[in-house]
N, C-alpha and C. Protein backbone atom coordinates (compact mmCIF):
# COMPACT_ATOMS: atom_id res chain seq x y z
N LYS A 1 0.83 -1.21 0.00
CA LYS A 1 0.00 0.00 0.00
C LYS A 1 0.87 1.26 0.00
N PHE A 2 1.92 1.26 0.84
CA PHE A 2 2.81 2.42 0.90
C PHE A 2 3.48 2.66 -0.45
N THR A 3 3.97 1.57 -1.06
CA THR A 3 4.67 1.70 -2.34
C THR A 3 3.75 2.24 -3.43
N THR A 4 2.60 1.61 -3.57
CA THR A 4 1.68 2.04 -4.63
C THR A 4 1.11 3.43 -4.37
N GLY A 5 1.04 3.83 -3.09
CA GLY A 5 0.49 5.13 -2.76
C GLY A 5 1.47 6.27 -2.88
N ASN A 6 2.77 5.93 -2.93
CA ASN A 6 3.77 7.00 -2.91
C ASN A 6 4.78 6.98 -4.06
N TRP A 7 4.79 5.94 -4.88
CA TRP A 7 5.86 5.85 -5.88
C TRP A 7 5.82 6.98 -6.89
N LYS A 8 4.63 7.52 -7.17
CA LYS A 8 4.54 8.62 -8.13
C LYS A 8 5.11 9.93 -7.58
N ASP A 9 5.24 10.01 -6.25
CA ASP A 9 5.75 11.23 -5.62
C ASP A 9 7.27 11.30 -5.62
N PHE A 10 7.93 10.22 -5.99
CA PHE A 10 9.39 10.20 -5.95
C PHE A 10 9.98 11.23 -6.92
N LYS A 11 10.94 11.98 -6.42
CA LYS A 11 11.64 12.94 -7.25
C LYS A 11 13.15 12.77 -7.07
N LYS A 12 13.84 12.64 -8.17
CA LYS A 12 15.29 12.48 -8.12
C LYS A 12 15.95 13.81 -7.79
N GLU A 13 16.88 13.78 -6.83
CA GLU A 13 17.64 14.98 -6.51
C GLU A 13 18.43 15.42 -7.74
N PRO A 14 18.54 16.73 -7.97
CA PRO A 14 19.21 17.23 -9.19
C PRO A 14 20.61 16.67 -9.41
N LYS A 15 21.37 16.48 -8.30
CA LYS A 15 22.75 16.01 -8.45
C LYS A 15 22.90 14.51 -8.17
N ALA A 16 21.80 13.82 -7.97
CA ALA A 16 21.88 12.39 -7.67
C ALA A 16 22.37 11.61 -8.88
N LEU A 17 23.16 10.59 -8.62
CA LEU A 17 23.66 9.71 -9.68
C LEU A 17 22.89 8.39 -9.64
N ILE A 18 22.57 7.88 -10.79
CA ILE A 18 21.81 6.63 -10.88
C ILE A 18 22.75 5.49 -11.24
N ILE A 19 22.71 4.45 -10.41
CA ILE A 19 23.47 3.24 -10.69
C ILE A 19 22.45 2.13 -10.95
N PRO A 20 22.30 1.69 -12.20
CA PRO A 20 21.29 0.68 -12.52
C PRO A 20 21.55 -0.63 -11.78
N SER A 21 20.48 -1.26 -11.35
CA SER A 21 20.61 -2.56 -10.68
C SER A 21 19.79 -3.64 -11.38
N PHE A 22 19.07 -3.25 -12.44
CA PHE A 22 18.28 -4.24 -13.18
C PHE A 22 18.03 -3.74 -14.60
N HIS A 23 17.72 -4.69 -15.48
CA HIS A 23 17.37 -4.38 -16.86
C HIS A 23 15.88 -4.02 -16.94
N MET A 24 15.54 -3.26 -17.95
CA MET A 24 14.13 -2.97 -18.22
C MET A 24 13.63 -3.94 -19.29
N ASP A 25 12.39 -4.37 -19.18
CA ASP A 25 11.77 -5.26 -20.16
C ASP A 25 10.40 -4.68 -20.49
N SER A 26 10.22 -4.22 -21.71
CA SER A 26 8.98 -3.51 -22.08
C SER A 26 7.75 -4.40 -21.94
N LYS A 27 7.90 -5.69 -22.25
CA LYS A 27 6.76 -6.60 -22.15
C LYS A 27 6.32 -6.77 -20.70
N LEU A 28 7.29 -7.04 -19.82
CA LEU A 28 6.97 -7.20 -18.40
C LEU A 28 6.46 -5.88 -17.81
N GLU A 29 7.00 -4.79 -18.29
CA GLU A 29 6.57 -3.48 -17.79
C GLU A 29 5.09 -3.24 -18.12
N ALA A 30 4.70 -3.60 -19.33
CA ALA A 30 3.30 -3.43 -19.74
C ALA A 30 2.39 -4.34 -18.93
N GLN A 31 2.85 -5.57 -18.71
CA GLN A 31 2.04 -6.52 -17.94
C GLN A 31 1.90 -6.07 -16.48
N SER A 32 2.98 -5.53 -15.92
CA SER A 32 2.92 -5.09 -14.52
C SER A 32 2.00 -3.87 -14.38
N THR A 33 2.01 -3.00 -15.39
CA THR A 33 1.13 -1.83 -15.36
C THR A 33 -0.33 -2.27 -15.36
N GLU A 34 -0.63 -3.27 -16.18
CA GLU A 34 -2.00 -3.79 -16.24
C GLU A 34 -2.39 -4.47 -14.93
N ALA A 35 -1.42 -5.21 -14.35
CA ALA A 35 -1.70 -5.89 -13.08
C ALA A 35 -1.95 -4.88 -11.96
N LEU A 36 -1.22 -3.78 -12.01
CA LEU A 36 -1.39 -2.74 -10.99
C LEU A 36 -2.78 -2.11 -11.09
N LYS A 37 -3.23 -1.90 -12.32
CA LYS A 37 -4.56 -1.31 -12.52
C LYS A 37 -5.66 -2.23 -11.98
N LYS A 38 -5.44 -3.54 -12.10
CA LYS A 38 -6.45 -4.51 -11.67
C LYS A 38 -6.24 -4.97 -10.23
N ASN A 39 -5.25 -4.33 -9.55
CA ASN A 39 -4.94 -4.68 -8.16
C ASN A 39 -4.54 -6.15 -8.03
N LYS A 40 -3.78 -6.62 -9.03
CA LYS A 40 -3.33 -8.01 -9.02
C LYS A 40 -1.81 -8.09 -9.10
N MET A 41 -1.13 -7.12 -8.49
CA MET A 41 0.33 -7.08 -8.57
C MET A 41 0.96 -8.29 -7.89
N ALA A 42 0.39 -8.73 -6.77
CA ALA A 42 0.95 -9.89 -6.07
C ALA A 42 0.90 -11.13 -6.96
N ASP A 43 -0.22 -11.31 -7.66
CA ASP A 43 -0.35 -12.45 -8.57
C ASP A 43 0.67 -12.34 -9.71
N PHE A 44 0.86 -11.13 -10.21
CA PHE A 44 1.82 -10.93 -11.31
C PHE A 44 3.23 -11.29 -10.87
N VAL A 45 3.63 -10.82 -9.70
CA VAL A 45 4.99 -11.09 -9.21
C VAL A 45 5.19 -12.58 -8.99
N GLU A 46 4.19 -13.24 -8.42
CA GLU A 46 4.31 -14.67 -8.14
C GLU A 46 4.42 -15.48 -9.43
N SER A 47 3.64 -15.14 -10.43
CA SER A 47 3.64 -15.92 -11.68
C SER A 47 4.82 -15.58 -12.59
N HIS A 48 5.49 -14.46 -12.35
CA HIS A 48 6.61 -14.05 -13.20
C HIS A 48 7.91 -13.92 -12.41
N SER A 49 7.99 -14.60 -11.27
CA SER A 49 9.14 -14.43 -10.38
C SER A 49 10.46 -14.76 -11.07
N THR A 50 10.50 -15.83 -11.86
CA THR A 50 11.75 -16.21 -12.53
C THR A 50 12.19 -15.15 -13.52
N GLU A 51 11.25 -14.65 -14.31
CA GLU A 51 11.58 -13.62 -15.31
C GLU A 51 12.02 -12.32 -14.63
N LEU A 52 11.35 -11.98 -13.53
CA LEU A 52 11.69 -10.75 -12.82
C LEU A 52 13.08 -10.85 -12.19
N MET A 53 13.39 -12.00 -11.60
CA MET A 53 14.70 -12.18 -10.98
C MET A 53 15.81 -12.11 -12.02
N ALA A 54 15.50 -12.54 -13.25
CA ALA A 54 16.51 -12.54 -14.31
C ALA A 54 16.85 -11.12 -14.78
N LEU A 55 16.03 -10.15 -14.40
CA LEU A 55 16.30 -8.77 -14.79
C LEU A 55 17.42 -8.14 -13.97
N ARG A 56 17.74 -8.73 -12.84
CA ARG A 56 18.73 -8.13 -11.95
C ARG A 56 20.14 -8.24 -12.51
N PHE A 57 20.93 -7.20 -12.33
CA PHE A 57 22.35 -7.26 -12.69
C PHE A 57 23.07 -8.14 -11.66
N PRO A 58 24.15 -8.80 -12.06
CA PRO A 58 24.94 -9.58 -11.10
C PRO A 58 25.45 -8.66 -9.98
N LEU A 59 25.51 -9.19 -8.77
CA LEU A 59 25.96 -8.41 -7.62
C LEU A 59 27.36 -7.82 -7.86
N GLU A 60 28.24 -8.61 -8.48
CA GLU A 60 29.60 -8.14 -8.73
C GLU A 60 29.61 -6.89 -9.61
N GLU A 61 28.70 -6.84 -10.57
CA GLU A 61 28.63 -5.68 -11.46
C GLU A 61 28.14 -4.44 -10.72
N ILE A 62 27.15 -4.63 -9.85
CA ILE A 62 26.63 -3.50 -9.07
C ILE A 62 27.71 -2.96 -8.14
N VAL A 63 28.40 -3.86 -7.46
CA VAL A 63 29.48 -3.45 -6.55
C VAL A 63 30.57 -2.72 -7.30
N SER A 64 30.91 -3.23 -8.48
CA SER A 64 31.95 -2.59 -9.30
C SER A 64 31.54 -1.18 -9.71
N ASN A 65 30.28 -1.01 -10.06
CA ASN A 65 29.79 0.32 -10.43
C ASN A 65 29.86 1.30 -9.27
N TYR A 66 29.51 0.82 -8.07
CA TYR A 66 29.61 1.66 -6.88
C TYR A 66 31.07 2.03 -6.60
N GLN A 67 31.95 1.04 -6.73
CA GLN A 67 33.37 1.29 -6.46
C GLN A 67 33.94 2.31 -7.44
N ASN A 68 33.56 2.18 -8.70
CA ASN A 68 34.02 3.14 -9.71
C ASN A 68 33.54 4.55 -9.39
N LEU A 69 32.33 4.64 -8.86
CA LEU A 69 31.79 5.95 -8.49
C LEU A 69 32.57 6.55 -7.33
N MET A 70 32.93 5.72 -6.36
CA MET A 70 33.71 6.21 -5.22
C MET A 70 35.12 6.64 -5.65
N ASP A 71 35.70 5.88 -6.57
CA ASP A 71 37.07 6.16 -6.99
C ASP A 71 37.17 7.36 -7.91
N ALA A 72 36.16 7.59 -8.72
CA ALA A 72 36.21 8.69 -9.70
C ALA A 72 34.84 9.34 -9.81
N HIS A 73 34.41 9.98 -8.73
CA HIS A 73 33.10 10.61 -8.76
C HIS A 73 33.16 11.93 -9.52
N PRO A 74 32.15 12.22 -10.31
CA PRO A 74 32.13 13.48 -11.06
C PRO A 74 31.95 14.67 -10.13
N SER A 75 32.70 15.72 -10.38
CA SER A 75 32.65 16.90 -9.51
C SER A 75 31.27 17.55 -9.52
N THR A 76 30.53 17.37 -10.60
CA THR A 76 29.19 17.98 -10.70
C THR A 76 28.20 17.35 -9.73
N ALA A 77 28.55 16.17 -9.20
CA ALA A 77 27.62 15.47 -8.30
C ALA A 77 27.91 15.75 -6.83
N ILE A 78 28.96 16.50 -6.53
CA ILE A 78 29.32 16.77 -5.14
C ILE A 78 28.41 17.86 -4.58
N LEU A 79 27.77 17.55 -3.45
CA LEU A 79 26.89 18.52 -2.81
C LEU A 79 27.71 19.48 -1.97
N THR A 80 27.40 20.74 -2.03
CA THR A 80 28.09 21.75 -1.22
C THR A 80 27.10 22.38 -0.25
N LYS A 81 27.62 22.79 0.90
CA LYS A 81 26.78 23.39 1.93
C LYS A 81 27.15 24.85 2.06
N THR A 82 26.17 25.70 2.21
CA THR A 82 26.42 27.13 2.34
C THR A 82 26.21 27.56 3.79
N ILE A 83 26.76 28.72 4.13
CA ILE A 83 26.59 29.25 5.48
C ILE A 83 25.11 29.46 5.80
N ALA A 84 24.34 29.82 4.79
CA ALA A 84 22.92 30.11 5.00
C ALA A 84 22.15 28.91 5.56
N ASP A 85 22.55 27.68 5.18
CA ASP A 85 21.84 26.50 5.69
C ASP A 85 22.70 25.69 6.65
N THR A 86 23.65 26.36 7.33
CA THR A 86 24.51 25.71 8.31
C THR A 86 24.08 26.10 9.72
N THR A 87 23.85 25.10 10.57
CA THR A 87 23.46 25.36 11.95
C THR A 87 24.67 25.69 12.81
N TYR A 88 25.75 24.92 12.64
CA TYR A 88 26.97 25.24 13.37
C TYR A 88 28.18 24.71 12.62
N VAL A 89 29.33 25.32 12.92
CA VAL A 89 30.60 24.88 12.36
C VAL A 89 31.35 24.17 13.47
N GLY A 90 31.64 22.89 13.28
CA GLY A 90 32.34 22.11 14.28
C GLY A 90 33.70 21.68 13.79
N LEU A 91 34.68 21.67 14.69
CA LEU A 91 36.00 21.14 14.38
C LEU A 91 36.04 19.72 14.92
N VAL A 92 35.83 18.77 14.03
CA VAL A 92 35.67 17.37 14.41
C VAL A 92 37.02 16.72 14.63
N VAL A 93 37.17 16.04 15.77
CA VAL A 93 38.41 15.36 16.10
C VAL A 93 38.63 14.20 15.13
N ILE A 94 39.78 14.20 14.48
CA ILE A 94 40.07 13.17 13.48
C ILE A 94 40.34 11.82 14.14
N ASP A 95 41.14 11.82 15.20
CA ASP A 95 41.44 10.58 15.93
C ASP A 95 41.20 10.85 17.42
N ARG A 96 40.11 10.33 17.94
CA ARG A 96 39.76 10.62 19.32
C ARG A 96 40.44 9.71 20.34
N SER A 97 41.17 8.70 19.88
CA SER A 97 41.76 7.74 20.81
C SER A 97 42.73 8.37 21.82
N PRO A 98 43.57 9.37 21.44
CA PRO A 98 44.43 9.99 22.46
C PRO A 98 43.62 10.68 23.56
N LEU A 99 42.48 11.27 23.21
CA LEU A 99 41.64 11.92 24.20
C LEU A 99 41.00 10.88 25.12
N VAL A 100 40.54 9.80 24.53
CA VAL A 100 39.95 8.72 25.32
C VAL A 100 40.98 8.15 26.28
N ASP A 101 42.20 7.93 25.79
CA ASP A 101 43.27 7.41 26.65
C ASP A 101 43.58 8.37 27.78
N ALA A 102 43.55 9.67 27.49
CA ALA A 102 43.83 10.68 28.52
C ALA A 102 42.78 10.61 29.63
N ILE A 103 41.52 10.46 29.25
CA ILE A 103 40.46 10.36 30.25
C ILE A 103 40.67 9.13 31.13
N LYS A 104 40.99 8.02 30.51
CA LYS A 104 41.18 6.78 31.26
C LYS A 104 42.35 6.90 32.24
N THR A 105 43.34 7.71 31.88
CA THR A 105 44.50 7.91 32.74
C THR A 105 44.24 8.93 33.84
N LEU A 106 43.55 10.01 33.50
CA LEU A 106 43.39 11.13 34.43
C LEU A 106 42.15 11.05 35.31
N ASP A 107 41.13 10.32 34.88
CA ASP A 107 39.88 10.25 35.64
C ASP A 107 39.63 8.82 36.09
N PRO A 108 39.96 8.50 37.35
CA PRO A 108 39.79 7.12 37.83
C PRO A 108 38.34 6.66 37.90
N ASP A 109 37.40 7.61 37.83
CA ASP A 109 35.98 7.25 37.93
C ASP A 109 35.29 7.16 36.58
N PHE A 110 36.04 7.17 35.49
CA PHE A 110 35.42 7.27 34.16
C PHE A 110 34.47 6.12 33.86
N GLN A 111 34.75 4.93 34.39
CA GLN A 111 33.92 3.77 34.06
C GLN A 111 32.51 3.88 34.65
N SER A 112 32.33 4.68 35.67
CA SER A 112 31.02 4.80 36.31
C SER A 112 30.17 5.91 35.70
N LYS A 113 30.68 6.57 34.69
CA LYS A 113 29.98 7.71 34.11
C LYS A 113 29.19 7.31 32.86
N ASP A 114 28.41 8.26 32.34
CA ASP A 114 27.44 7.93 31.29
C ASP A 114 28.05 7.62 29.93
N LYS A 115 28.90 8.52 29.45
CA LYS A 115 29.35 8.37 28.06
C LYS A 115 30.65 9.12 27.79
N LEU A 116 31.56 8.48 27.07
CA LEU A 116 32.75 9.15 26.53
C LEU A 116 32.33 9.88 25.26
N VAL A 117 32.74 11.14 25.12
CA VAL A 117 32.34 11.92 23.95
C VAL A 117 33.56 12.20 23.06
N CYS A 118 34.34 13.23 23.40
CA CYS A 118 35.59 13.52 22.68
C CYS A 118 35.39 13.64 21.17
N GLU A 119 34.37 14.37 20.75
CA GLU A 119 34.02 14.39 19.33
C GLU A 119 34.41 15.66 18.58
N HIS A 120 34.09 16.83 19.13
CA HIS A 120 34.35 18.04 18.37
C HIS A 120 34.41 19.29 19.26
N LEU A 121 34.93 20.34 18.69
CA LEU A 121 34.92 21.67 19.29
C LEU A 121 34.02 22.54 18.42
N THR A 122 33.02 23.17 19.01
CA THR A 122 32.13 24.03 18.23
C THR A 122 32.80 25.38 18.01
N GLN A 123 32.99 25.75 16.74
CA GLN A 123 33.58 27.06 16.47
C GLN A 123 32.52 28.15 16.56
N VAL A 124 31.35 27.92 15.94
CA VAL A 124 30.32 28.95 15.94
C VAL A 124 28.95 28.35 15.66
N PHE A 125 27.94 28.81 16.40
CA PHE A 125 26.55 28.47 16.13
C PHE A 125 25.94 29.55 15.25
N ASN A 126 25.04 29.14 14.37
CA ASN A 126 24.36 30.08 13.46
C ASN A 126 25.36 31.05 12.82
N PRO A 127 26.31 30.52 12.06
CA PRO A 127 27.38 31.36 11.51
C PRO A 127 26.91 32.49 10.62
N ASN A 128 25.75 32.34 10.00
CA ASN A 128 25.25 33.41 9.14
C ASN A 128 24.75 34.61 9.93
N LYS A 129 24.61 34.45 11.26
CA LYS A 129 24.14 35.55 12.10
C LYS A 129 25.26 36.15 12.95
N VAL A 130 26.43 35.51 12.96
CA VAL A 130 27.55 35.99 13.77
C VAL A 130 28.55 36.67 12.86
N ARG A 131 28.70 37.97 13.00
CA ARG A 131 29.50 38.74 12.05
C ARG A 131 30.98 38.82 12.40
N ASP A 132 31.34 38.62 13.67
CA ASP A 132 32.74 38.82 14.05
C ASP A 132 33.56 37.53 14.02
N ILE A 133 32.95 36.44 13.57
CA ILE A 133 33.65 35.16 13.48
C ILE A 133 33.68 34.70 12.03
N VAL A 134 34.88 34.40 11.55
CA VAL A 134 35.03 33.86 10.20
C VAL A 134 35.01 32.34 10.29
N PRO A 135 34.00 31.67 9.75
CA PRO A 135 33.93 30.21 9.84
C PRO A 135 35.11 29.54 9.15
N VAL A 136 35.63 28.51 9.78
CA VAL A 136 36.68 27.72 9.14
C VAL A 136 36.05 27.02 7.94
N PRO A 137 36.65 27.15 6.76
CA PRO A 137 36.08 26.51 5.57
C PRO A 137 35.81 25.03 5.77
N ASN A 138 34.72 24.57 5.23
CA ASN A 138 34.35 23.17 5.35
C ASN A 138 35.45 22.28 4.80
N GLY A 139 35.91 21.31 5.60
CA GLY A 139 36.95 20.39 5.16
C GLY A 139 38.37 20.82 5.49
N GLU A 140 38.56 22.02 6.04
CA GLU A 140 39.91 22.48 6.37
C GLU A 140 40.33 21.93 7.73
N GLU A 141 41.59 21.52 7.84
CA GLU A 141 42.10 20.97 9.09
C GLU A 141 42.62 22.07 10.01
N CYS A 142 42.45 21.85 11.31
CA CYS A 142 42.94 22.77 12.34
C CYS A 142 43.61 21.96 13.45
N ILE A 143 44.53 22.60 14.15
CA ILE A 143 45.18 21.98 15.30
C ILE A 143 44.64 22.63 16.57
N VAL A 144 44.18 21.79 17.48
CA VAL A 144 43.61 22.25 18.74
C VAL A 144 44.58 21.92 19.88
N SER A 145 44.94 22.93 20.67
CA SER A 145 45.85 22.73 21.80
C SER A 145 45.04 22.68 23.09
N ILE A 146 45.22 21.62 23.85
CA ILE A 146 44.52 21.40 25.11
C ILE A 146 45.48 21.63 26.26
N ASP A 147 45.02 22.29 27.34
CA ASP A 147 45.91 22.51 28.48
C ASP A 147 45.39 21.92 29.79
N ALA A 148 44.16 21.35 29.78
CA ALA A 148 43.65 20.75 31.01
C ALA A 148 42.41 19.92 30.76
N LEU A 149 42.19 18.95 31.64
CA LEU A 149 40.91 18.25 31.73
C LEU A 149 40.20 18.82 32.94
N VAL A 150 38.99 19.32 32.77
CA VAL A 150 38.25 19.95 33.86
C VAL A 150 37.03 19.08 34.20
N ILE A 151 36.96 18.67 35.47
CA ILE A 151 35.88 17.79 35.92
C ILE A 151 34.99 18.54 36.91
N ARG A 152 33.70 18.59 36.63
CA ARG A 152 32.77 19.29 37.51
C ARG A 152 32.51 18.46 38.76
N ASP A 153 32.63 19.09 39.92
CA ASP A 153 32.49 18.38 41.19
C ASP A 153 31.09 17.81 41.39
N SER A 154 30.06 18.53 40.96
CA SER A 154 28.68 18.16 41.28
C SER A 154 28.23 16.85 40.65
N ASP A 155 28.72 16.55 39.45
CA ASP A 155 28.24 15.34 38.78
C ASP A 155 29.31 14.54 38.05
N GLY A 156 30.53 15.04 38.00
CA GLY A 156 31.60 14.30 37.34
C GLY A 156 31.70 14.51 35.85
N ALA A 157 30.84 15.37 35.29
CA ALA A 157 30.95 15.69 33.86
C ALA A 157 32.29 16.37 33.62
N SER A 158 32.85 16.18 32.43
CA SER A 158 34.18 16.74 32.18
C SER A 158 34.32 17.26 30.75
N ALA A 159 35.31 18.14 30.59
CA ALA A 159 35.60 18.72 29.28
C ALA A 159 37.08 19.07 29.20
N PHE A 160 37.61 19.01 28.00
CA PHE A 160 38.99 19.43 27.76
C PHE A 160 39.01 20.93 27.53
N ARG A 161 39.82 21.64 28.31
CA ARG A 161 39.95 23.08 28.14
C ARG A 161 40.96 23.36 27.03
N VAL A 162 40.57 24.18 26.09
CA VAL A 162 41.40 24.46 24.91
C VAL A 162 42.05 25.84 25.06
N SER A 163 43.35 25.89 24.82
CA SER A 163 44.08 27.14 24.96
C SER A 163 44.29 27.85 23.62
N ARG A 164 44.27 27.07 22.54
CA ARG A 164 44.54 27.68 21.24
C ARG A 164 44.03 26.80 20.11
N VAL A 165 43.58 27.45 19.04
CA VAL A 165 43.19 26.74 17.82
C VAL A 165 43.83 27.47 16.65
N ILE A 166 44.55 26.73 15.81
CA ILE A 166 45.17 27.33 14.63
C ILE A 166 44.80 26.52 13.39
N ASN A 167 44.80 27.20 12.25
CA ASN A 167 44.52 26.50 11.00
C ASN A 167 45.80 25.97 10.38
N SER A 168 45.72 25.48 9.16
CA SER A 168 46.87 24.84 8.52
C SER A 168 48.00 25.80 8.22
N THR A 169 47.73 27.10 8.23
CA THR A 169 48.78 28.10 7.97
C THR A 169 49.31 28.71 9.26
N GLY A 170 48.80 28.24 10.40
CA GLY A 170 49.25 28.77 11.68
C GLY A 170 48.47 29.96 12.19
N LYS A 171 47.40 30.32 11.51
CA LYS A 171 46.59 31.47 11.92
C LYS A 171 45.66 31.08 13.07
N ASN A 172 45.55 31.96 14.08
CA ASN A 172 44.66 31.71 15.20
C ASN A 172 43.20 31.74 14.75
N ILE A 173 42.43 30.78 15.23
CA ILE A 173 41.01 30.68 14.90
C ILE A 173 40.17 31.15 16.08
N LYS A 174 39.26 32.07 15.83
CA LYS A 174 38.38 32.57 16.89
C LYS A 174 37.22 31.60 17.13
N ILE A 175 36.85 31.48 18.41
CA ILE A 175 35.73 30.63 18.80
C ILE A 175 34.63 31.52 19.36
N SER A 176 33.43 31.41 18.85
CA SER A 176 32.37 32.36 19.18
C SER A 176 32.00 32.36 20.66
N SER A 177 32.07 31.22 21.33
CA SER A 177 31.69 31.15 22.74
C SER A 177 32.72 31.79 23.66
N ARG A 178 33.93 32.02 23.14
CA ARG A 178 35.06 32.52 23.92
C ARG A 178 35.48 31.53 25.00
N LYS A 179 34.93 30.33 24.94
CA LYS A 179 35.27 29.28 25.90
C LYS A 179 35.55 27.98 25.13
N PRO A 180 36.60 27.96 24.34
CA PRO A 180 36.86 26.78 23.50
C PRO A 180 37.08 25.52 24.34
N HIS A 181 36.42 24.46 23.96
CA HIS A 181 36.53 23.22 24.71
C HIS A 181 36.05 22.05 23.86
N ILE A 182 36.38 20.87 24.32
CA ILE A 182 35.88 19.62 23.73
C ILE A 182 35.24 18.83 24.86
N THR A 183 33.96 18.55 24.76
CA THR A 183 33.29 17.76 25.79
C THR A 183 33.97 16.41 25.91
N ALA A 184 34.32 16.04 27.15
CA ALA A 184 35.04 14.79 27.38
C ALA A 184 34.08 13.67 27.79
N MET A 185 33.39 13.87 28.94
CA MET A 185 32.48 12.83 29.44
C MET A 185 31.17 13.43 29.92
N LEU A 186 30.09 12.68 29.69
CA LEU A 186 28.79 13.00 30.27
C LEU A 186 28.61 12.15 31.51
N SER A 187 27.95 12.72 32.52
CA SER A 187 27.81 11.98 33.77
C SER A 187 26.54 12.41 34.50
N HIS A 188 25.84 11.43 35.06
CA HIS A 188 24.62 11.69 35.84
C HIS A 188 23.63 12.58 35.08
N GLY A 189 23.42 12.26 33.82
CA GLY A 189 22.42 12.97 33.03
C GLY A 189 22.85 14.30 32.47
N SER A 190 24.13 14.62 32.54
CA SER A 190 24.60 15.90 31.98
C SER A 190 24.49 15.89 30.46
N LYS A 191 24.55 17.08 29.86
CA LYS A 191 24.46 17.23 28.42
C LYS A 191 25.74 17.86 27.87
N PRO A 192 26.04 17.62 26.59
CA PRO A 192 27.24 18.23 26.00
C PRO A 192 27.26 19.75 26.13
N THR A 193 26.09 20.37 26.07
CA THR A 193 26.03 21.84 26.15
C THR A 193 26.40 22.36 27.53
N ASP A 194 26.45 21.48 28.53
CA ASP A 194 26.83 21.91 29.88
C ASP A 194 28.31 22.29 29.97
N SER A 195 29.12 21.74 29.10
CA SER A 195 30.58 21.88 29.21
C SER A 195 31.02 23.34 29.27
N GLY A 196 30.42 24.17 28.44
CA GLY A 196 30.82 25.57 28.40
C GLY A 196 30.58 26.32 29.69
N SER A 197 29.67 25.80 30.53
CA SER A 197 29.33 26.50 31.77
C SER A 197 30.33 26.27 32.89
N PHE A 198 31.21 25.24 32.74
CA PHE A 198 32.15 24.97 33.83
C PHE A 198 33.61 24.84 33.40
N VAL A 199 33.87 24.69 32.10
CA VAL A 199 35.22 24.34 31.67
C VAL A 199 36.26 25.43 31.99
N PHE A 200 35.83 26.68 32.14
CA PHE A 200 36.78 27.75 32.47
C PHE A 200 36.60 28.28 33.90
N LEU A 201 35.86 27.53 34.73
CA LEU A 201 35.71 27.93 36.13
C LEU A 201 36.95 27.57 36.93
N GLU A 202 37.09 28.24 38.09
CA GLU A 202 38.18 27.94 39.02
C GLU A 202 37.65 27.24 40.27
N GLU A 203 36.37 27.40 40.54
CA GLU A 203 35.77 26.78 41.72
C GLU A 203 34.67 25.81 41.30
N GLY A 204 34.46 24.81 42.14
CA GLY A 204 33.43 23.81 41.85
C GLY A 204 33.86 22.81 40.80
N VAL A 205 35.13 22.82 40.48
CA VAL A 205 35.68 21.90 39.48
C VAL A 205 37.04 21.40 39.94
N ARG A 206 37.45 20.28 39.35
CA ARG A 206 38.81 19.78 39.54
C ARG A 206 39.56 19.98 38.23
N ILE A 207 40.62 20.74 38.27
CA ILE A 207 41.39 21.05 37.06
C ILE A 207 42.64 20.19 37.05
N ILE A 208 42.77 19.39 36.01
CA ILE A 208 43.94 18.51 35.87
C ILE A 208 44.76 19.01 34.68
N PRO A 209 45.84 19.76 34.95
CA PRO A 209 46.64 20.31 33.84
C PRO A 209 47.35 19.20 33.06
N PHE A 210 47.32 19.30 31.77
CA PHE A 210 48.14 18.44 30.90
C PHE A 210 48.09 19.04 29.50
N ALA A 211 49.10 18.76 28.73
CA ALA A 211 49.21 19.36 27.39
C ALA A 211 49.03 18.30 26.31
N MET A 212 48.25 18.64 25.30
CA MET A 212 48.04 17.74 24.16
C MET A 212 47.55 18.56 22.98
N THR A 213 47.93 18.16 21.79
CA THR A 213 47.38 18.76 20.58
C THR A 213 46.66 17.67 19.79
N VAL A 214 45.53 18.03 19.21
CA VAL A 214 44.77 17.07 18.41
C VAL A 214 44.42 17.69 17.06
N ALA A 215 44.42 16.87 16.04
CA ALA A 215 44.06 17.33 14.70
C ALA A 215 42.55 17.25 14.55
N THR A 216 41.98 18.28 13.94
CA THR A 216 40.54 18.33 13.70
C THR A 216 40.28 18.74 12.26
N ILE A 217 39.06 18.53 11.82
CA ILE A 217 38.67 18.96 10.48
C ILE A 217 37.31 19.66 10.57
N SER A 218 37.21 20.79 9.89
CA SER A 218 35.99 21.59 9.95
C SER A 218 34.84 20.88 9.23
N LYS A 219 33.68 20.89 9.88
CA LYS A 219 32.49 20.31 9.29
C LYS A 219 31.33 21.26 9.50
N TRP A 220 30.67 21.64 8.42
CA TRP A 220 29.49 22.50 8.50
C TRP A 220 28.26 21.62 8.63
N VAL A 221 27.53 21.78 9.71
CA VAL A 221 26.40 20.90 10.00
C VAL A 221 25.09 21.68 9.90
């Protein structure tokens, strides 16, 4: 019911690429159209199952076509994102394992907490509305310097305090919150957005100084 009720509404995205997975057969197509009109599609499929299955391309051919697309995709098919439709610009950690290892070393209570995060540093929210911050171009790499792990006393939530962010040319990158950080761990129902409220505090937190740099890549979300 869902298929027959919605198939006519399908619209191909302008930049979408089509990879065929079956042959077309005009005779079977005409018969299926007639069966659909008479509400006998199930009978048609059952009585023509062998012929219908024979229309499929071999799996190896389909996989090869996908692989060729990945290896040499046409530039005209690449989707681009603009600042106008971007919610936030995040500097995504390329390899989070050093951060995870740091937490396991520095926080003896990490196993009792909710979730390891260590995913990204938010450069700016609603970049099209913030005029004094230049968004890091989508896909550009940046180096993030960390100087401490900060753990909130009340619930054990933690975040990495960031001292500096530079791009590939060594230029300092501004962070709109003025409190650059990477959420480390969630604990007792805390949220990632809580990190900014305590990561630069001096009281009510445990500050564990340590130095680390991590590679990140800008992603417009």
